[in-house]
């Protein structure tokens, strides 16, 4: 099972591109705003840019920040 959550900011080009690529590849995802709580958690993980993408594939978790088409494509191949 693949679970994808994308934490976004308004008017963020990387966020828009990430969501568009996920949609194009048919990867279902949940979008969450990078609000105070989520931003604090992202910073604790070492991320300082949006979007923050968290993926769980069969219990194996990975995450990254920014628009990363290579990582999105890898999720599509694994799903």
Protein backbone atom coordinates (compact mmCIF):
# COMPACT_ATOMS: atom_id res chain seq x y z
CA UNK A 1 0.00 0.00 0.00
CA UNK A 2 1.28 3.46 -0.93
CA UNK A 3 0.36 6.53 1.11
CA UNK A 4 1.48 9.96 -0.09
CA UNK A 5 1.03 13.24 1.77
CA UNK A 6 2.10 16.55 0.24
CA UNK A 7 2.54 19.52 2.59
CA UNK A 8 2.14 22.73 0.61
CA UNK A 9 2.18 26.50 0.76
CA UNK A 10 -0.14 28.80 -1.23
CA UNK A 11 1.28 30.12 -4.52
CA UNK A 12 4.20 27.67 -4.41
CA UNK A 13 5.36 26.70 -7.93
CA UNK A 14 7.13 23.56 -6.68
CA UNK A 15 3.99 22.50 -4.83
CA UNK A 16 1.88 22.93 -7.95
CA UNK A 17 4.39 21.01 -10.09
CA UNK A 18 4.55 18.18 -7.55
CA UNK A 19 0.78 17.81 -7.37
CA UNK A 20 0.50 17.96 -11.17
CA UNK A 21 3.10 15.20 -11.64
CA UNK A 22 1.47 12.99 -8.99
CA UNK A 23 -1.89 13.46 -10.74
CA UNK A 24 -0.38 12.75 -14.17
CA UNK A 25 1.16 9.50 -12.90
CA UNK A 26 -2.08 8.47 -11.19
CA UNK A 27 -0.63 8.57 -7.67
CA UNK A 28 -3.28 9.35 -5.08
CA UNK A 29 -2.18 11.82 -2.41
CA UNK A 30 -3.47 13.89 0.45
CA UNK A 31 -2.65 17.60 0.52
CA UNK A 32 -2.04 19.35 3.82
CA UNK A 33 -1.12 23.00 4.42
CA UNK A 34 2.29 23.80 5.85
CA UNK A 35 0.78 25.49 8.89
CA UNK A 36 2.60 26.25 12.17
CA UNK A 37 2.54 22.66 13.43
CA UNK A 38 3.50 21.06 10.12
CA UNK A 39 6.23 23.63 9.45
CA UNK A 40 7.80 22.96 12.86
CA UNK A 41 7.78 19.21 12.16
CA UNK A 42 9.31 19.75 8.68
CA UNK A 43 12.10 21.88 10.14
CA UNK A 44 12.83 19.18 12.74
CA UNK A 45 13.26 16.73 9.84
CA UNK A 46 15.71 19.18 8.23
CA UNK A 47 13.41 20.50 5.49
CA UNK A 48 13.32 24.23 4.83
CA UNK A 49 11.48 24.44 1.51
CA UNK A 50 8.08 23.47 0.17
CA UNK A 51 6.60 21.15 -0.75
CA UNK A 52 7.42 18.47 1.77
CA UNK A 53 6.45 15.05 0.45
CA UNK A 54 6.04 12.07 2.79
CA UNK A 55 5.62 8.63 1.27
CA UNK A 56 4.98 5.25 2.86
CA UNK A 57 5.25 2.21 0.58
CA UNK A 58 4.39 -1.03 2.37
CA UNK A 59 5.53 0.50 5.65
CA UNK A 60 8.84 1.86 4.31
CA UNK A 61 8.85 5.62 4.74
CA UNK A 62 10.70 8.30 2.83
CA UNK A 63 10.39 12.05 2.59
CA UNK A 64 11.88 14.96 0.69
CA UNK A 65 11.41 18.67 0.10
CA UNK A 66 11.05 20.55 -3.15
CA UNK A 67 9.91 19.45 -6.58
CA UNK A 68 11.66 16.13 -7.23
CA UNK A 69 10.32 14.48 -10.40
CA UNK A 70 12.92 11.70 -10.05
CA UNK A 71 11.58 10.77 -6.62
CA UNK A 72 7.97 10.98 -7.80
CA UNK A 73 8.76 8.70 -10.74
CA UNK A 74 10.37 6.20 -8.34
CA UNK A 75 7.18 6.17 -6.26
CA UNK A 76 5.15 5.49 -9.40
CA UNK A 77 7.39 2.55 -10.28
CA UNK A 78 7.16 1.12 -6.75
CA UNK A 79 3.40 1.56 -6.40
